[in-house]
Amino acid sequence: MNAPHDLSMKTDDVLRVELEVFKQEHRDLDDAITALVERGTGDQLTIQRLKKQKLRLKDLIALIEDRLTPDIIA
């Protein structure tokens, strides 16, 4: 996740697989954050880092979805 993702060099099939993986990671992070907050076991720094990682995934998911969705001109 640290390396930049060059979407222009990937096929739609690869992007669809990556999209599902990133969506699952996003859900997993959401579950982890919720568990840490509910139990009170996570320190604020850890929770903030997880939230930032979740936001990066959300942005990447949006980029991939934009690439896979054709532009429709009305």
C-alpha atoms as a PDB file:
ATOM      1  CA  MET A   1       0.000   0.000   0.000  1.00  0.00           C
ATOM      2  CA  ASN A   2       2.990   2.300   0.397  1.00  0.00           C
ATOM      3  CA  ALA A   3       3.989   2.133  -3.265  1.00  0.00           C
ATOM      4  CA  PRO A   4       2.212   4.455  -5.680  1.00  0.00           C
ATOM      5  CA  HIS A   5      -0.405   2.720  -7.783  1.00  0.00           C
ATOM      6  CA  ASP A   6      -0.187   3.350 -11.528  1.00  0.00           C
ATOM      7  CA  LEU A   7      -3.679   2.499 -12.651  1.00  0.00           C
ATOM      8  CA  SER A   8      -2.993   3.288 -16.300  1.00  0.00           C
ATOM      9  CA  MET A   9      -0.782   0.211 -16.694  1.00  0.00           C
ATOM     10  CA  LYS A  10      -3.299  -2.272 -15.275  1.00  0.00           C
ATOM     11  CA  THR A  11      -6.062  -4.128 -17.068  1.00  0.00           C
ATOM     12  CA  ASP A  12      -9.679  -3.811 -15.994  1.00  0.00           C
ATOM     13  CA  ASP A  13      -9.634  -7.408 -14.728  1.00  0.00           C
ATOM     14  CA  VAL A  14      -6.654  -6.679 -12.475  1.00  0.00           C
ATOM     15  CA  LEU A  15      -8.315  -3.506 -11.229  1.00  0.00           C
ATOM     16  CA  ARG A  16     -11.522  -5.377 -10.394  1.00  0.00           C
ATOM     17  CA  VAL A  17      -9.587  -7.899  -8.300  1.00  0.00           C
ATOM     18  CA  GLU A  18      -7.625  -5.139  -6.566  1.00  0.00           C
ATOM     19  CA  LEU A  19     -10.861  -3.247  -5.944  1.00  0.00           C
ATOM     20  CA  GLU A  20     -12.356  -6.198  -4.089  1.00  0.00           C
ATOM     21  CA  VAL A  21      -9.166  -6.664  -2.060  1.00  0.00           C
ATOM     22  CA  PHE A  22      -9.061  -2.978  -1.111  1.00  0.00           C
ATOM     23  CA  LYS A  23     -12.755  -2.990  -0.188  1.00  0.00           C
ATOM     24  CA  GLN A  24     -12.166  -5.975   2.097  1.00  0.00           C
ATOM     25  CA  GLU A  25      -9.160  -4.245   3.690  1.00  0.00           C
ATOM     26  CA  HIS A  26     -11.307  -1.142   4.207  1.00  0.00           C
ATOM     27  CA  ARG A  27     -14.006  -3.218   5.948  1.00  0.00           C
ATOM     28  CA  ASP A  28     -11.381  -4.966   8.082  1.00  0.00           C
ATOM     29  CA  LEU A  29      -9.905  -1.642   9.172  1.00  0.00           C
ATOM     30  CA  ASP A  30     -13.378  -0.363  10.023  1.00  0.00           C
ATOM     31  CA  ASP A  31     -14.007  -3.449  12.166  1.00  0.00           C
ATOM     32  CA  ALA A  32     -10.618  -3.088  13.872  1.00  0.00           C
ATOM     33  CA  ILE A  33     -11.191   0.583  14.654  1.00  0.00           C
ATOM     34  CA  THR A  34     -14.656  -0.142  16.023  1.00  0.00           C
ATOM     35  CA  ALA A  35     -13.325  -2.962  18.211  1.00  0.00           C
ATOM     36  CA  LEU A  36     -10.490  -0.832  19.592  1.00  0.00           C
ATOM     37  CA  VAL A  37     -12.836   2.045  20.406  1.00  0.00           C
ATOM     38  CA  GLU A  38     -15.523  -0.164  21.975  1.00  0.00           C
ATOM     39  CA  ARG A  39     -13.056  -2.073  24.150  1.00  0.00           C
ATOM     40  CA  GLY A  40     -11.053   1.012  25.005  1.00  0.00           C
ATOM     41  CA  THR A  41      -7.848  -0.931  24.323  1.00  0.00           C
ATOM     42  CA  GLY A  42      -6.493   1.248  21.510  1.00  0.00           C
ATOM     43  CA  ASP A  43      -4.493   4.371  22.104  1.00  0.00           C
ATOM     44  CA  GLN A  44      -5.492   7.465  20.133  1.00  0.00           C
ATOM     45  CA  LEU A  45      -2.346   7.405  17.975  1.00  0.00           C
ATOM     46  CA  THR A  46      -3.021   3.851  16.804  1.00  0.00           C
ATOM     47  CA  ILE A  47      -6.653   4.643  16.083  1.00  0.00           C
ATOM     48  CA  GLN A  48      -5.672   7.778  14.117  1.00  0.00           C
ATOM     49  CA  ARG A  49      -3.165   5.782  12.052  1.00  0.00           C
ATOM     50  CA  LEU A  50      -5.784   3.175  11.242  1.00  0.00           C
ATOM     51  CA  LYS A  51      -8.265   5.886  10.263  1.00  0.00           C
ATOM     52  CA  LYS A  52      -5.701   7.512   7.949  1.00  0.00           C
ATOM     53  CA  GLN A  53      -4.963   4.158   6.346  1.00  0.00           C
ATOM     54  CA  LYS A  54      -8.701   3.631   5.890  1.00  0.00           C
ATOM     55  CA  LEU A  55      -9.025   7.040   4.191  1.00  0.00           C
ATOM     56  CA  ARG A  56      -6.137   6.237   1.832  1.00  0.00           C
ATOM     57  CA  LEU A  57      -7.899   3.009   0.894  1.00  0.00           C
ATOM     58  CA  LYS A  58     -11.156   4.885   0.340  1.00  0.00           C
ATOM     59  CA  ASP A  59      -9.403   7.297  -2.035  1.00  0.00           C
ATOM     60  CA  LEU A  60      -7.765   4.424  -3.900  1.00  0.00           C
ATOM     61  CA  ILE A  61     -11.096   2.610  -4.166  1.00  0.00           C
ATOM     62  CA  ALA A  62     -12.679   5.759  -5.620  1.00  0.00           C
ATOM     63  CA  LEU A  63      -9.861   6.087  -8.176  1.00  0.00           C
ATOM     64  CA  ILE A  64     -10.269   2.499  -9.319  1.00  0.00           C
ATOM     65  CA  GLU A  65     -14.057   2.784  -9.501  1.00  0.00           C
ATOM     66  CA  ASP A  66     -13.708   5.962 -11.595  1.00  0.00           C
ATOM     67  CA  ARG A  67     -11.335   4.155 -13.943  1.00  0.00           C
ATOM     68  CA  LEU A  68     -13.686   1.188 -14.315  1.00  0.00           C
ATOM     69  CA  THR A  69     -16.839   3.263 -14.791  1.00  0.00           C
ATOM     70  CA  PRO A  70     -17.138   4.637 -18.300  1.00  0.00           C
ATOM     71  CA  ASP A  71     -17.899   8.331 -18.723  1.00  0.00           C
ATOM     72  CA  ILE A  72     -21.399   8.861 -20.025  1.00  0.00           C
ATOM     73  CA  ILE A  73     -22.008  12.139 -21.780  1.00  0.00           C
ATOM     74  CA  ALA A  74     -25.659  13.131 -21.662  1.00  0.00           C
END
